[in-house]
């Protein structure tokens, strides 16, 4: 990304276009994928619309891909004419947030579920303790004797 910003500062839009040198086409200095990343970064940071060559911050709207590509087509007379076809749309589209992991996506629902379960937990714990206490036999010498006999070897 750093070198792409440097090339944008030096060459401008020419860094995004393929160039014909000695009858051979060279790839653009900045790949379309990296250009798209830089454009999205500018949109997210709010610097879309202007480009500062000193700092390399922003994105110039003129650099966006055209909405249609010119294609040479022959007309009825046999002459070739340029026609705009295709749809490489480059206008600002809505940028979807990253998908994230399922754990991150469902975090809010899990938190609400936990809060709902915790809401009546104090009363449930109290009921459980009272129930356990009610199951215990009443204290006395008979219970003590049973407890000691349980652990003996006779």
C-alpha atoms as a PDB file:
ATOM      1  CA  UNK A   1       0.000   0.000   0.000  1.00  0.00           C
ATOM      2  CA  UNK A   2       2.852   2.329   0.819  1.00  0.00           C
ATOM      3  CA  UNK A   3       4.469   1.969  -2.574  1.00  0.00           C
ATOM      4  CA  UNK A   4       1.063   2.387  -4.225  1.00  0.00           C
ATOM      5  CA  UNK A   5       0.595   5.722  -2.433  1.00  0.00           C
ATOM      6  CA  UNK A   6       4.080   6.790  -3.500  1.00  0.00           C
ATOM      7  CA  UNK A   7       3.297   5.904  -7.133  1.00  0.00           C
ATOM      8  CA  UNK A   8      -0.034   7.754  -6.955  1.00  0.00           C
ATOM      9  CA  UNK A   9       1.757  10.854  -5.669  1.00  0.00           C
ATOM     10  CA  UNK A  10       4.369  10.637  -8.439  1.00  0.00           C
ATOM     11  CA  UNK A  11       2.315   9.562 -11.451  1.00  0.00           C
ATOM     12  CA  UNK A  12      -1.325  10.311 -10.592  1.00  0.00           C
ATOM     13  CA  UNK A  13      -3.915   8.590 -12.757  1.00  0.00           C
ATOM     14  CA  UNK A  14      -1.228   7.141 -15.048  1.00  0.00           C
ATOM     15  CA  UNK A  15      -0.267   4.757 -12.236  1.00  0.00           C
ATOM     16  CA  UNK A  16      -3.741   3.211 -12.487  1.00  0.00           C
ATOM     17  CA  UNK A  17      -3.726   2.755 -16.274  1.00  0.00           C
ATOM     18  CA  UNK A  18      -1.918   0.167 -18.405  1.00  0.00           C
ATOM     19  CA  UNK A  19       0.714   1.664 -20.710  1.00  0.00           C
ATOM     20  CA  UNK A  20       1.785   0.712 -24.215  1.00  0.00           C
ATOM     21  CA  UNK A  21       5.570   0.724 -24.534  1.00  0.00           C
ATOM     22  CA  UNK A  22       7.299  -0.463 -27.740  1.00  0.00           C
ATOM     23  CA  UNK A  23       4.045  -1.982 -29.040  1.00  0.00           C
ATOM     24  CA  UNK A  24       3.675  -4.041 -25.835  1.00  0.00           C
ATOM     25  CA  UNK A  25       1.242  -3.425 -23.040  1.00  0.00           C
ATOM     26  CA  UNK A  26       2.538  -3.062 -19.501  1.00  0.00           C
ATOM     27  CA  UNK A  27       0.390  -3.662 -16.468  1.00  0.00           C
ATOM     28  CA  UNK A  28      -0.676  -0.660 -14.417  1.00  0.00           C
ATOM     29  CA  UNK A  29       1.835   0.297 -11.744  1.00  0.00           C
ATOM     30  CA  UNK A  30      -0.932  -0.037  -9.152  1.00  0.00           C
ATOM     31  CA  UNK A  31      -3.127  -3.122  -9.497  1.00  0.00           C
ATOM     32  CA  UNK A  32      -6.901  -2.644  -9.536  1.00  0.00           C
ATOM     33  CA  UNK A  33      -7.191  -4.575  -6.260  1.00  0.00           C
ATOM     34  CA  UNK A  34      -4.786  -2.260  -4.426  1.00  0.00           C
ATOM     35  CA  UNK A  35      -6.466   0.758  -6.030  1.00  0.00           C
ATOM     36  CA  UNK A  36      -9.843  -0.477  -4.741  1.00  0.00           C
ATOM     37  CA  UNK A  37      -8.365  -0.885  -1.248  1.00  0.00           C
ATOM     38  CA  UNK A  38      -6.978   2.665  -1.316  1.00  0.00           C
ATOM     39  CA  UNK A  39     -10.323   3.996  -2.543  1.00  0.00           C
ATOM     40  CA  UNK A  40     -12.260   2.207   0.208  1.00  0.00           C
ATOM     41  CA  UNK A  41      -9.793   3.472   2.791  1.00  0.00           C
ATOM     42  CA  UNK A  42     -10.345   7.035   1.573  1.00  0.00           C
ATOM     43  CA  UNK A  43     -14.128   6.603   1.729  1.00  0.00           C
ATOM     44  CA  UNK A  44     -13.946   5.217   5.269  1.00  0.00           C
ATOM     45  CA  UNK A  45     -11.649   7.974   6.470  1.00  0.00           C
ATOM     46  CA  UNK A  46     -13.743  10.691   4.795  1.00  0.00           C
ATOM     47  CA  UNK A  47     -11.017  11.900   2.424  1.00  0.00           C
ATOM     48  CA  UNK A  48     -12.752  10.783  -0.787  1.00  0.00           C
ATOM     49  CA  UNK A  49     -12.984  13.677  -3.219  1.00  0.00           C
ATOM     50  CA  UNK A  50      -9.567  15.259  -2.749  1.00  0.00           C
ATOM     51  CA  UNK A  51      -6.014  13.949  -2.912  1.00  0.00           C
ATOM     52  CA  UNK A  52      -3.037  15.505  -1.182  1.00  0.00           C
ATOM     53  CA  UNK A  53       0.169  14.704  -3.102  1.00  0.00           C
ATOM     54  CA  UNK A  54       2.354  15.730  -0.167  1.00  0.00           C
ATOM     55  CA  UNK A  55       0.853  13.251   2.312  1.00  0.00           C
ATOM     56  CA  UNK A  56      -0.712  10.720  -0.080  1.00  0.00           C
ATOM     57  CA  UNK A  57      -4.063  10.915   1.711  1.00  0.00           C
ATOM     58  CA  UNK A  58      -7.377  10.745  -0.143  1.00  0.00           C
ATOM     59  CA  UNK A  59      -8.748   9.642  -3.487  1.00  0.00           C
ATOM     60  CA  UNK A  60      -9.554  11.713  -6.545  1.00  0.00           C
ATOM     61  CA  UNK A  61     -12.983  10.806  -8.039  1.00  0.00           C
ATOM     62  CA  UNK A  62     -11.484  11.097 -11.527  1.00  0.00           C
ATOM     63  CA  UNK A  63      -9.483   7.968 -10.767  1.00  0.00           C
ATOM     64  CA  UNK A  64     -12.593   5.809 -10.447  1.00  0.00           C
ATOM     65  CA  UNK A  65     -13.072   3.163 -13.128  1.00  0.00           C
ATOM     66  CA  UNK A  66     -15.375   4.267 -15.941  1.00  0.00           C
ATOM     67  CA  UNK A  67     -18.942   2.991 -15.991  1.00  0.00           C
ATOM     68  CA  UNK A  68     -18.497   1.373 -19.385  1.00  0.00           C
ATOM     69  CA  UNK A  69     -15.543   0.277 -21.479  1.00  0.00           C
ATOM     70  CA  UNK A  70     -15.062   1.320 -25.116  1.00  0.00           C
ATOM     71  CA  UNK A  71     -15.148  -1.603 -27.536  1.00  0.00           C
ATOM     72  CA  UNK A  72     -14.448  -1.450 -31.276  1.00  0.00           C
ATOM     73  CA  UNK A  73     -17.455  -2.676 -33.272  1.00  0.00           C
ATOM     74  CA  UNK A  74     -17.968  -2.733 -37.040  1.00  0.00           C
ATOM     75  CA  UNK A  75     -21.022  -0.890 -38.324  1.00  0.00           C
ATOM     76  CA  UNK A  76     -23.109  -1.668 -41.452  1.00  0.00           C
ATOM     77  CA  UNK A  77     -20.556  -0.007 -43.783  1.00  0.00           C
ATOM     78  CA  UNK A  78     -17.677  -2.074 -42.376  1.00  0.00           C
ATOM     79  CA  UNK A  79     -16.142   0.850 -40.513  1.00  0.00           C
ATOM     80  CA  UNK A  80     -15.057   0.238 -36.946  1.00  0.00           C
ATOM     81  CA  UNK A  81     -16.590   2.521 -34.365  1.00  0.00           C
ATOM     82  CA  UNK A  82     -16.055   2.744 -30.625  1.00  0.00           C
ATOM     83  CA  UNK A  83     -19.068   1.706 -28.544  1.00  0.00           C
ATOM     84  CA  UNK A  84     -19.307   1.887 -24.767  1.00  0.00           C
ATOM     85  CA  UNK A  85     -20.197  -1.575 -23.466  1.00  0.00           C
ATOM     86  CA  UNK A  86     -19.856  -3.415 -20.229  1.00  0.00           C
ATOM     87  CA  UNK A  87     -20.346  -2.242 -16.720  1.00  0.00           C
ATOM     88  CA  UNK A  88     -17.271  -1.706 -14.600  1.00  0.00           C
ATOM     89  CA  UNK A  89     -19.158   0.532 -12.210  1.00  0.00           C
ATOM     90  CA  UNK A  90     -16.909   2.766 -10.178  1.00  0.00           C
ATOM     91  CA  UNK A  91     -19.286   5.162  -8.435  1.00  0.00           C
ATOM     92  CA  UNK A  92     -19.429   5.223  -4.669  1.00  0.00           C
ATOM     93  CA  UNK A  93     -21.374   2.204  -3.583  1.00  0.00           C
ATOM     94  CA  UNK A  94     -22.338   1.257  -0.096  1.00  0.00           C
ATOM     95  CA  UNK A  95     -19.431  -0.360   1.649  1.00  0.00           C
ATOM     96  CA  UNK A  96     -20.621  -3.394   3.530  1.00  0.00           C
ATOM     97  CA  UNK A  97     -19.091  -3.931   6.939  1.00  0.00           C
ATOM     98  CA  UNK A  98     -16.768  -6.922   7.217  1.00  0.00           C
ATOM     99  CA  UNK A  99     -18.570 -10.232   7.786  1.00  0.00           C
ATOM    100  CA  UNK A 100     -16.592 -11.027  10.960  1.00  0.00           C
ATOM    101  CA  UNK A 101     -16.833 -14.349  12.780  1.00  0.00           C
ATOM    102  CA  UNK A 102     -20.106 -15.870  13.913  1.00  0.00           C
ATOM    103  CA  UNK A 103     -19.102 -15.237  17.516  1.00  0.00           C
ATOM    104  CA  UNK A 104     -18.686 -11.520  16.847  1.00  0.00           C
ATOM    105  CA  UNK A 105     -21.911 -11.297  14.805  1.00  0.00           C
ATOM    106  CA  UNK A 106     -24.049 -12.972  17.486  1.00  0.00           C
ATOM    107  CA  UNK A 107     -22.457 -11.220  20.453  1.00  0.00           C
ATOM    108  CA  UNK A 108     -25.392  -8.871  21.093  1.00  0.00           C
ATOM    109  CA  UNK A 109     -27.967 -11.690  20.980  1.00  0.00           C
ATOM    110  CA  UNK A 110     -25.877 -13.788  23.367  1.00  0.00           C
ATOM    111  CA  UNK A 111     -25.521 -10.861  25.765  1.00  0.00           C
ATOM    112  CA  UNK A 112     -29.294 -10.287  25.785  1.00  0.00           C
ATOM    113  CA  UNK A 113     -29.911 -14.005  26.386  1.00  0.00           C
ATOM    114  CA  UNK A 114     -27.475 -14.026  29.318  1.00  0.00           C
ATOM    115  CA  UNK A 115     -29.043 -10.889  30.807  1.00  0.00           C
ATOM    116  CA  UNK A 116     -32.502 -12.485  30.557  1.00  0.00           C
ATOM    117  CA  UNK A 117     -31.249 -15.628  32.307  1.00  0.00           C
ATOM    118  CA  UNK A 118     -29.460 -13.660  35.040  1.00  0.00           C
ATOM    119  CA  UNK A 119     -32.545 -11.522  35.738  1.00  0.00           C
ATOM    120  CA  UNK A 120     -34.293 -14.115  37.975  1.00  0.00           C
ATOM    121  CA  UNK A 121     -31.176 -15.945  39.078  1.00  0.00           C
ATOM    122  CA  UNK A 122     -31.103 -14.670  42.700  1.00  0.00           C
ATOM    123  CA  UNK A 123     -34.580 -16.038  43.369  1.00  0.00           C
ATOM    124  CA  UNK A 124     -33.757 -19.357  41.659  1.00  0.00           C
ATOM    125  CA  UNK A 125     -30.613 -19.739  43.757  1.00  0.00           C
ATOM    126  CA  UNK A 126     -32.556 -19.015  46.928  1.00  0.00           C
ATOM    127  CA  UNK A 127     -35.236 -21.557  46.002  1.00  0.00           C
ATOM    128  CA  UNK A 128     -32.569 -24.161  45.257  1.00  0.00           C
ATOM    129  CA  UNK A 129     -30.883 -23.609  48.611  1.00  0.00           C
ATOM    130  CA  UNK A 130     -34.192 -23.845  50.483  1.00  0.00           C
ATOM    131  CA  UNK A 131     -35.043 -27.040  48.588  1.00  0.00           C
ATOM    132  CA  UNK A 132     -31.671 -28.597  49.460  1.00  0.00           C
ATOM    133  CA  UNK A 133     -32.153 -27.585  53.093  1.00  0.00           C
ATOM    134  CA  UNK A 134     -35.627 -29.158  53.119  1.00  0.00           C
ATOM    135  CA  UNK A 135     -34.251 -32.477  51.800  1.00  0.00           C
ATOM    136  CA  UNK A 136     -31.809 -32.791  54.697  1.00  0.00           C
ATOM    137  CA  UNK A 137     -33.023 -34.892  57.641  1.00  0.00           C
ATOM    138  CA  UNK A 138     -33.652 -33.100  60.929  1.00  0.00           C
ATOM    139  CA  UNK A 139     -30.569 -32.960  63.186  1.00  0.00           C
ATOM    140  CA  UNK A 140     -30.440 -35.355  66.126  1.00  0.00           C
ATOM    141  CA  UNK A 141     -28.579 -38.270  67.746  1.00  0.00           C
ATOM    142  CA  UNK A 142     -30.141 -40.783  65.393  1.00  0.00           C
ATOM    143  CA  UNK A 143     -28.735 -39.044  62.297  1.00  0.00           C
ATOM    144  CA  UNK A 144     -25.311 -38.715  63.880  1.00  0.00           C
ATOM    145  CA  UNK A 145     -25.319 -42.447  64.671  1.00  0.00           C
ATOM    146  CA  UNK A 146     -26.302 -43.325  61.061  1.00  0.00           C
ATOM    147  CA  UNK A 147     -23.518 -41.110  59.734  1.00  0.00           C
ATOM    148  CA  UNK A 148     -20.883 -42.772  61.920  1.00  0.00           C
ATOM    149  CA  UNK A 149     -22.120 -46.259  61.127  1.00  0.00           C
ATOM    150  CA  UNK A 150     -21.947 -45.569  57.407  1.00  0.00           C
ATOM    151  CA  UNK A 151     -18.181 -44.995  57.633  1.00  0.00           C
ATOM    152  CA  UNK A 152     -17.424 -47.917  59.986  1.00  0.00           C
ATOM    153  CA  UNK A 153     -16.168 -51.363  58.951  1.00  0.00           C
ATOM    154  CA  UNK A 154     -18.613 -53.472  61.030  1.00  0.00           C
END
